[in-house]
Amino acid sequence: MTSTTEKPPSGASAPFRRRFDRARRFVAETERSALATALVGSVSLLAAFVGFLVSSPLTVALFAAFLATTGYGWVRHRELTAEAVTLTMTISTILVLGLITVFIFVEAWPAVAYESAEVFGVTVPGARMFLQTRWDAASPPVRYSMVPMIHGTLVVTTIATLVAGPLGVAAALFISEIAPATVRELVKPGVEILAGIPSIVYGFIGFTILSPWASEKFDLVGQGTYLFVGVVVGLMALPTVVSVAEDALDSVPESMKSGSLALGTTDWQTMTAITLPAAFSGVSAAVLLGVGRAIGETMAATVMLRNNPKIAEPLYNVFYGYETLTSLIAANYGEATGLQMNALFVAGVILFVTVLCLSVGSQLIEARMRRKLGGSD
């Protein structure tokens, strides 16, 4: 495309100069039209988003204007329209995530303010939520302690990590380094399919098979144990760990493995002394992602646990199960009002921040592995 700032070469004939001027004007008009189309489309989408937030009846018309403008731009100025649409969608996604974050923090604040307490003479918002163990939304004075649910979440997550971590890494090592190609082509898709099974199915299996068996074998009163909830959640997190860890092991350069084998080491020695240490960051990221899945699991914990906000006695007793942060939200959001609803948002904030930190940590660890192995960030 001819730039509008170019000039015809010196000594050019008059007809050439006229053709050059027409081409320059055409390019300028095309650029202005493309920019105007992109601007109108972006403004229409932004206005439609704002209209949706304020429940305006003009939202549909504004979104229709965005679609019409995008369609016109796609026909006349496809490249610039594609860039504008993808940029607008990216900004919209970030904006939606930001609004969700602000919303849950704002909704959680009344309960945090209510549970304020003095610590060393300083009023700390929400301190009572973490300094006491009583959750009672019915008997005044109402209390909304997060300690029992945090304890339950930690116990379940620890057990799930002990299940998913070693099994996932071992399975990834087998798929990446040991299994023949035909077996790998069958096993890897099968493992990834497991990630698509709804969590309620795992919870139902745990409720109908594992919980009754545990009640009978361990002479428990009622169903629901942190031990078997952790096992079920660990099995749910297993496909995530296997998939990410297997990718990390595959990213280890073949030259490192071949060099080790050339020095006379066995396959097992190469895997344990070269492959695993080289991919340790990626494998750690896989386990962290699995932990994030375990922390955020809702339905399996809700179905299998007693949904009673208490702390097990002693703290390490895994043969009873009461409540986790996710099961607290799932079991109470339908009937919660006022401060109780705000307290459920506090549980959501705790989960949000925890999983966010784990996700960011896993990304940083994986980026470190890529730099270590000479890959791109």
Protein backbone atom coordinates (compact mmCIF):
# COMPACT_ATOMS: atom_id res chain seq x y z
CA MET A 1 0.00 0.00 0.00
CA THR A 2 1.30 3.42 -0.94
CA SER A 3 2.01 5.70 1.99
CA THR A 4 0.17 9.03 2.02
CA THR A 5 3.42 10.83 2.92
CA GLU A 6 5.38 9.67 -0.13
CA LYS A 7 6.09 12.06 -2.97
CA PRO A 8 6.40 11.25 -6.67
CA PRO A 9 9.96 11.01 -7.97
CA SER A 10 11.49 14.18 -9.27
CA GLY A 11 11.22 14.60 -12.98
CA ALA A 12 8.04 12.50 -13.23
CA SER A 13 5.62 13.38 -15.99
CA ALA A 14 2.36 15.21 -15.33
CA PRO A 15 0.14 12.11 -16.02
CA PHE A 16 2.23 10.06 -13.58
CA ARG A 17 1.90 12.77 -10.94
CA ARG A 18 -1.88 12.80 -11.35
CA ARG A 19 -2.10 9.01 -11.02
CA PHE A 20 0.15 9.15 -7.98
CA ASP A 21 -2.04 11.83 -6.34
CA ARG A 22 -5.19 9.78 -6.98
CA ALA A 23 -3.58 6.69 -5.45
CA ARG A 24 -2.47 8.70 -2.44
CA ARG A 25 -5.97 10.14 -1.91
CA PHE A 26 -7.48 6.64 -2.25
CA VAL A 27 -5.12 5.25 0.35
CA ALA A 28 -5.87 8.12 2.73
CA GLU A 29 -9.64 7.66 2.33
CA THR A 30 -9.31 3.90 2.83
CA GLU A 31 -7.29 4.36 6.00
CA ARG A 32 -9.79 6.88 7.38
CA SER A 33 -12.70 4.59 6.56
CA ALA A 34 -10.99 1.60 8.22
CA LEU A 35 -10.16 3.60 11.35
CA ALA A 36 -13.69 4.99 11.55
CA THR A 37 -15.17 1.50 11.19
CA ALA A 38 -12.90 0.11 13.91
CA LEU A 39 -13.68 3.05 16.21
CA VAL A 40 -17.45 2.77 15.73
CA GLY A 41 -17.36 -0.98 16.34
CA SER A 42 -15.27 -0.65 19.49
CA VAL A 43 -17.42 2.15 20.90
CA SER A 44 -20.61 0.21 20.09
CA LEU A 45 -19.35 -2.88 21.93
CA LEU A 46 -18.23 -0.83 24.93
CA ALA A 47 -21.56 0.98 25.03
CA ALA A 48 -23.41 -2.35 24.78
CA PHE A 49 -21.38 -3.68 27.70
CA VAL A 50 -22.20 -0.61 29.80
CA GLY A 51 -25.85 -0.91 28.79
CA PHE A 52 -25.86 -4.53 29.91
CA LEU A 53 -24.48 -3.54 33.31
CA VAL A 54 -27.17 -0.88 33.82
CA SER A 55 -29.93 -3.05 32.26
CA SER A 56 -30.59 -0.56 29.48
CA PRO A 57 -33.15 -1.47 26.77
CA LEU A 58 -30.71 -0.06 24.20
CA THR A 59 -28.21 -2.88 24.82
CA VAL A 60 -29.55 -5.04 22.00
CA ALA A 61 -29.48 -2.15 19.52
CA LEU A 62 -25.92 -1.23 20.49
CA PHE A 63 -24.75 -4.84 20.15
CA ALA A 64 -26.51 -5.08 16.76
CA ALA A 65 -24.64 -1.94 15.69
CA PHE A 66 -21.38 -3.61 16.73
CA LEU A 67 -22.22 -6.72 14.66
CA ALA A 68 -23.21 -4.65 11.64
CA THR A 69 -20.07 -2.51 11.83
CA THR A 70 -17.88 -5.57 12.25
CA GLY A 71 -19.53 -7.25 9.26
CA TYR A 72 -18.98 -4.19 7.09
CA GLY A 73 -15.39 -3.86 8.26
CA TRP A 74 -14.72 -7.54 7.63
CA VAL A 75 -15.78 -7.12 4.01
CA ARG A 76 -14.01 -3.83 3.33
CA HIS A 77 -11.07 -3.75 5.77
CA ARG A 78 -10.55 -7.29 6.97
CA GLU A 79 -7.05 -7.00 8.46
CA LEU A 80 -7.66 -3.88 10.54
CA THR A 81 -11.10 -5.12 11.60
CA ALA A 82 -9.64 -8.41 12.81
CA GLU A 83 -7.01 -6.54 14.85
CA ALA A 84 -9.62 -4.20 16.33
CA VAL A 85 -12.03 -7.02 17.22
CA THR A 86 -9.39 -9.17 18.90
CA LEU A 87 -8.09 -6.16 20.85
CA THR A 88 -11.60 -5.22 21.91
CA MET A 89 -12.38 -8.76 23.00
CA THR A 90 -9.17 -8.93 25.02
CA ILE A 91 -9.95 -5.65 26.76
CA SER A 92 -13.52 -6.83 27.41
CA THR A 93 -12.28 -10.06 28.99
CA ILE A 94 -9.87 -8.21 31.27
CA LEU A 95 -12.63 -5.74 32.18
CA VAL A 96 -15.09 -8.51 33.03
CA LEU A 97 -12.53 -10.30 35.21
CA GLY A 98 -11.73 -7.02 36.93
CA LEU A 99 -15.40 -6.32 37.62
CA ILE A 100 -15.90 -9.83 39.01
CA THR A 101 -12.93 -9.34 41.32
CA VAL A 102 -14.20 -5.98 42.53
CA PHE A 103 -17.71 -7.38 43.00
CA ILE A 104 -16.73 -10.29 45.24
CA PHE A 105 -14.50 -8.07 47.36
CA VAL A 106 -17.22 -5.43 47.74
CA GLU A 107 -19.83 -8.04 48.64
CA ALA A 108 -17.51 -9.62 51.20
CA TRP A 109 -16.70 -6.37 52.99
CA PRO A 110 -19.82 -6.08 55.24
CA ALA A 111 -19.03 -9.46 56.86
CA VAL A 112 -15.37 -8.51 57.21
CA ALA A 113 -16.33 -5.24 58.90
CA TYR A 114 -18.81 -7.04 61.17
CA GLU A 115 -16.17 -9.51 62.34
CA SER A 116 -13.62 -6.80 63.18
CA ALA A 117 -11.68 -7.21 66.40
CA GLU A 118 -8.91 -5.48 68.27
CA VAL A 119 -5.47 -7.05 68.01
CA PHE A 120 -2.85 -5.44 70.24
CA GLY A 121 -5.04 -2.36 70.50
CA VAL A 122 -5.54 -2.02 66.74
CA THR A 123 -8.91 -2.72 65.10
CA VAL A 124 -8.35 -5.32 62.39
CA PRO A 125 -11.23 -5.94 59.93
CA GLY A 126 -12.27 -9.58 59.83
CA ALA A 127 -9.95 -10.65 62.64
CA ARG A 128 -12.64 -12.67 64.43
CA MET A 129 -13.09 -14.80 61.33
CA PHE A 130 -9.62 -16.20 61.88
CA LEU A 131 -9.28 -15.98 65.68
CA GLN A 132 -12.36 -18.01 66.62
CA THR A 133 -13.91 -21.27 65.44
CA ARG A 134 -17.65 -20.61 65.74
CA TRP A 135 -19.93 -20.42 62.71
CA ASP A 136 -23.54 -19.77 63.71
CA ALA A 137 -25.84 -17.79 61.44
CA ALA A 138 -28.96 -18.36 63.56
CA SER A 139 -28.23 -17.81 67.25
CA PRO A 140 -27.30 -14.26 68.24
CA PRO A 141 -24.71 -13.02 68.33
CA VAL A 142 -24.11 -14.52 64.91
CA ARG A 143 -20.55 -15.49 64.12
CA TYR A 144 -18.91 -16.33 60.81
CA SER A 145 -15.57 -17.98 61.49
CA MET A 146 -13.67 -19.29 58.48
CA VAL A 147 -11.30 -21.43 60.55
CA PRO A 148 -13.30 -24.72 60.38
CA MET A 149 -13.70 -24.45 56.61
CA ILE A 150 -10.08 -23.46 56.05
CA HIS A 151 -9.02 -26.46 58.13
CA GLY A 152 -11.24 -28.78 56.11
CA THR A 153 -9.95 -27.34 52.84
CA LEU A 154 -6.32 -27.76 53.93
CA VAL A 155 -6.87 -31.38 55.00
CA VAL A 156 -8.69 -32.33 51.79
CA THR A 157 -6.13 -30.51 49.63
CA THR A 158 -3.21 -32.17 51.40
CA ILE A 159 -4.66 -35.64 50.90
CA ALA A 160 -5.55 -34.86 47.27
CA THR A 161 -1.99 -33.65 46.64
CA LEU A 162 -0.54 -36.81 48.17
CA VAL A 163 -2.73 -38.81 45.80
CA ALA A 164 -2.42 -36.76 42.60
CA GLY A 165 1.23 -35.72 42.95
CA PRO A 166 3.09 -39.06 43.03
CA LEU A 167 0.57 -40.87 40.82
CA GLY A 168 0.48 -38.03 38.29
CA VAL A 169 4.24 -37.66 38.04
CA ALA A 170 4.73 -41.42 37.76
CA ALA A 171 2.09 -41.68 35.03
CA ALA A 172 3.60 -38.73 33.16
CA LEU A 173 7.06 -40.33 33.38
CA PHE A 174 5.68 -43.60 32.03
CA ILE A 175 3.84 -41.93 29.14
CA SER A 176 6.78 -39.70 28.22
CA GLU A 177 9.77 -41.99 28.69
CA ILE A 178 8.74 -45.63 28.95
CA ALA A 179 5.52 -46.38 27.05
CA PRO A 180 5.75 -47.46 23.39
CA ALA A 181 4.29 -45.07 20.85
CA THR A 182 1.10 -47.11 20.39
CA VAL A 183 0.47 -47.26 24.13
CA ARG A 184 1.19 -43.54 24.48
CA GLU A 185 -1.33 -42.69 21.78
CA LEU A 186 -4.01 -44.62 23.67
CA VAL A 187 -3.16 -43.75 27.26
CA LYS A 188 -2.62 -39.99 26.94
CA PRO A 189 -6.00 -39.19 25.32
CA GLY A 190 -7.67 -41.52 27.82
CA VAL A 191 -6.15 -39.65 30.75
CA GLU A 192 -7.20 -36.31 29.28
CA ILE A 193 -10.76 -37.57 28.81
CA LEU A 194 -10.94 -38.15 32.56
CA ALA A 195 -10.63 -34.38 33.06
CA GLY A 196 -13.93 -33.93 31.23
CA ILE A 197 -15.96 -36.09 33.59
CA PRO A 198 -18.27 -33.84 35.69
CA SER A 199 -17.24 -33.50 39.31
CA ILE A 200 -20.71 -34.50 40.47
CA VAL A 201 -20.09 -37.96 38.96
CA TYR A 202 -16.95 -38.40 41.07
CA GLY A 203 -18.82 -37.14 44.12
CA PHE A 204 -21.72 -39.50 43.52
CA ILE A 205 -19.36 -42.47 43.19
CA GLY A 206 -17.64 -41.46 46.40
CA PHE A 207 -20.97 -41.01 48.19
CA THR A 208 -22.50 -44.33 47.08
CA ILE A 209 -19.37 -46.54 47.21
CA LEU A 210 -16.50 -45.11 49.25
CA SER A 211 -18.46 -43.44 52.05
CA PRO A 212 -20.64 -46.49 52.94
CA TRP A 213 -17.57 -48.73 52.81
CA ALA A 214 -15.66 -46.38 55.11
CA SER A 215 -18.58 -46.17 57.54
CA GLU A 216 -18.74 -49.94 57.77
CA LYS A 217 -15.03 -50.69 57.93
CA PHE A 218 -14.04 -47.90 60.32
CA ASP A 219 -17.22 -47.94 62.44
CA LEU A 220 -18.03 -44.30 61.73
CA VAL A 221 -21.21 -42.49 62.69
CA GLY A 222 -22.69 -41.23 59.44
CA GLN A 223 -20.92 -40.72 56.15
CA GLY A 224 -18.30 -38.30 54.97
CA THR A 225 -14.58 -38.39 55.73
CA TYR A 226 -11.82 -36.02 54.74
CA LEU A 227 -9.73 -39.05 53.79
CA PHE A 228 -11.99 -40.32 51.03
CA VAL A 229 -13.02 -36.86 49.88
CA GLY A 230 -9.30 -36.14 49.45
CA VAL A 231 -8.85 -39.40 47.52
CA VAL A 232 -11.74 -38.58 45.17
CA VAL A 233 -10.57 -35.00 44.63
CA GLY A 234 -7.02 -36.28 44.07
CA LEU A 235 -8.29 -38.61 41.34
CA MET A 236 -10.11 -35.65 39.79
CA ALA A 237 -6.91 -33.58 39.79
CA LEU A 238 -4.85 -36.47 38.40
CA PRO A 239 -5.48 -35.76 34.67
CA THR A 240 -4.30 -32.15 35.11
CA VAL A 241 -1.09 -33.25 36.81
CA VAL A 242 -0.41 -35.97 34.24
CA SER A 243 -1.01 -33.74 31.22
CA VAL A 244 1.09 -30.77 32.38
CA ALA A 245 3.89 -32.93 33.83
CA GLU A 246 4.08 -34.99 30.65
CA ASP A 247 4.47 -31.82 28.57
CA ALA A 248 7.24 -30.68 30.92
CA LEU A 249 9.08 -33.99 30.59
CA ASP A 250 8.73 -33.90 26.80
CA SER A 251 10.30 -30.43 26.72
CA VAL A 252 13.63 -31.74 28.05
CA PRO A 253 16.06 -31.68 25.09
CA GLU A 254 16.73 -35.09 23.61
CA SER A 255 20.45 -34.27 23.51
CA MET A 256 20.59 -34.30 27.32
CA LYS A 257 19.05 -37.76 27.48
CA SER A 258 21.19 -39.14 24.63
CA GLY A 259 24.34 -37.76 26.22
CA SER A 260 23.52 -39.46 29.50
CA LEU A 261 22.84 -42.78 27.79
CA ALA A 262 26.07 -42.44 25.81
CA LEU A 263 27.98 -42.28 29.08
CA GLY A 264 26.70 -45.74 29.99
CA THR A 265 23.79 -44.94 32.31
CA THR A 266 20.62 -46.98 32.27
CA ASP A 267 17.24 -45.65 31.19
CA TRP A 268 16.12 -45.42 34.81
CA GLN A 269 19.24 -43.53 35.86
CA THR A 270 18.74 -41.11 32.98
CA MET A 271 15.14 -40.49 33.97
CA THR A 272 15.91 -39.92 37.65
CA ALA A 273 19.21 -38.05 37.27
CA ILE A 274 18.62 -36.05 34.07
CA THR A 275 14.99 -35.87 32.90
CA LEU A 276 13.22 -35.31 36.21
CA PRO A 277 15.69 -32.73 37.59
CA ALA A 278 15.69 -30.83 34.29
CA ALA A 279 11.88 -30.76 34.20
CA PHE A 280 11.46 -30.25 37.94
CA SER A 281 10.04 -26.74 37.54
CA GLY A 282 7.43 -27.89 35.05
CA VAL A 283 6.53 -30.91 37.16
CA SER A 284 6.18 -28.65 40.21
CA ALA A 285 3.89 -26.38 38.18
CA ALA A 286 1.78 -29.41 37.27
CA VAL A 287 1.38 -30.36 40.93
CA LEU A 288 0.47 -26.75 41.81
CA LEU A 289 -2.22 -26.72 39.13
CA GLY A 290 -3.55 -29.98 40.52
CA VAL A 291 -3.61 -28.44 44.01
CA GLY A 292 -5.55 -25.49 42.59
CA ARG A 293 -8.09 -27.92 41.14
CA ALA A 294 -8.37 -29.65 44.51
CA ILE A 295 -8.88 -26.39 46.41
CA GLY A 296 -11.59 -25.20 44.04
CA GLU A 297 -13.49 -28.48 43.90
CA THR A 298 -17.12 -28.03 44.95
CA MET A 299 -19.55 -30.81 44.15
CA ALA A 300 -17.55 -33.83 45.30
CA ALA A 301 -16.91 -32.23 48.69
CA THR A 302 -20.53 -31.04 49.01
CA VAL A 303 -21.98 -34.46 48.22
CA MET A 304 -19.64 -36.47 50.45
CA LEU A 305 -19.18 -34.24 53.52
CA ARG A 306 -21.56 -33.58 56.42
CA ASN A 307 -21.76 -29.84 55.70
CA ASN A 308 -21.36 -29.02 59.39
CA PRO A 309 -18.96 -26.13 60.16
CA LYS A 310 -16.87 -27.80 62.86
CA ILE A 311 -13.22 -28.64 63.39
CA ALA A 312 -12.22 -32.29 63.64
CA GLU A 313 -10.81 -33.40 66.98
CA PRO A 314 -7.92 -33.94 66.93
CA LEU A 315 -6.97 -31.73 64.01
CA TYR A 316 -5.30 -34.59 62.14
CA ASN A 317 -8.37 -36.83 62.33
CA VAL A 318 -9.16 -37.54 58.68
CA PHE A 319 -11.87 -40.12 59.40
CA TYR A 320 -14.47 -37.43 59.94
CA GLY A 321 -15.37 -34.72 57.48
CA TYR A 322 -17.33 -31.59 58.18
CA GLU A 323 -16.96 -28.65 55.79
CA THR A 324 -14.70 -26.99 53.24
CA LEU A 325 -14.84 -23.50 51.81
CA THR A 326 -16.40 -24.69 48.57
CA SER A 327 -18.96 -26.95 50.22
CA LEU A 328 -19.91 -24.10 52.56
CA ILE A 329 -20.80 -21.90 49.60
CA ALA A 330 -22.59 -24.66 47.68
CA ALA A 331 -24.67 -25.77 50.66
CA ASN A 332 -25.78 -22.33 51.88
CA TYR A 333 -25.97 -19.86 49.01
CA GLY A 334 -29.57 -20.78 48.15
CA GLU A 335 -30.99 -19.67 51.51
CA ALA A 336 -28.37 -17.21 52.76
CA THR A 337 -29.27 -13.54 53.19
CA GLY A 338 -27.67 -10.45 54.67
CA LEU A 339 -24.44 -10.97 56.56
CA GLN A 340 -24.49 -14.71 55.95
CA MET A 341 -24.40 -14.10 52.20
CA ASN A 342 -21.56 -11.63 52.71
CA ALA A 343 -19.71 -14.27 54.74
CA LEU A 344 -20.05 -16.70 51.84
CA PHE A 345 -18.42 -14.08 49.65
CA VAL A 346 -15.55 -13.97 52.15
CA ALA A 347 -15.09 -17.70 51.59
CA GLY A 348 -15.11 -17.00 47.86
CA VAL A 349 -12.46 -14.31 48.27
CA ILE A 350 -10.22 -16.72 50.21
CA LEU A 351 -10.58 -19.33 47.47
CA PHE A 352 -10.06 -16.75 44.73
CA VAL A 353 -6.86 -15.37 46.23
CA THR A 354 -5.48 -18.84 47.02
CA VAL A 355 -6.10 -20.29 43.56
CA LEU A 356 -4.84 -17.09 41.92
CA CYS A 357 -1.56 -17.32 43.84
CA LEU A 358 -1.17 -20.98 42.91
CA SER A 359 -1.86 -20.27 39.24
CA VAL A 360 0.59 -17.39 39.12
CA GLY A 361 3.16 -19.48 40.97
CA SER A 362 2.78 -22.34 38.52
CA GLN A 363 3.20 -19.96 35.57
CA LEU A 364 6.36 -18.48 37.08
CA ILE A 365 7.79 -21.93 37.77
CA GLU A 366 7.00 -23.08 34.22
CA ALA A 367 8.59 -19.94 32.77
CA ARG A 368 11.70 -20.65 34.84
CA MET A 369 11.84 -24.16 33.40
CA ARG A 370 11.57 -22.83 29.84
CA ARG A 371 14.41 -20.40 30.44
CA LYS A 372 16.50 -23.16 32.02
CA LEU A 373 16.00 -25.46 29.04
CA GLY A 374 16.60 -22.71 26.51
CA GLY A 375 13.01 -22.43 25.35
CA SER A 376 10.94 -19.33 24.81
CA ASP A 377 8.96 -17.67 27.61
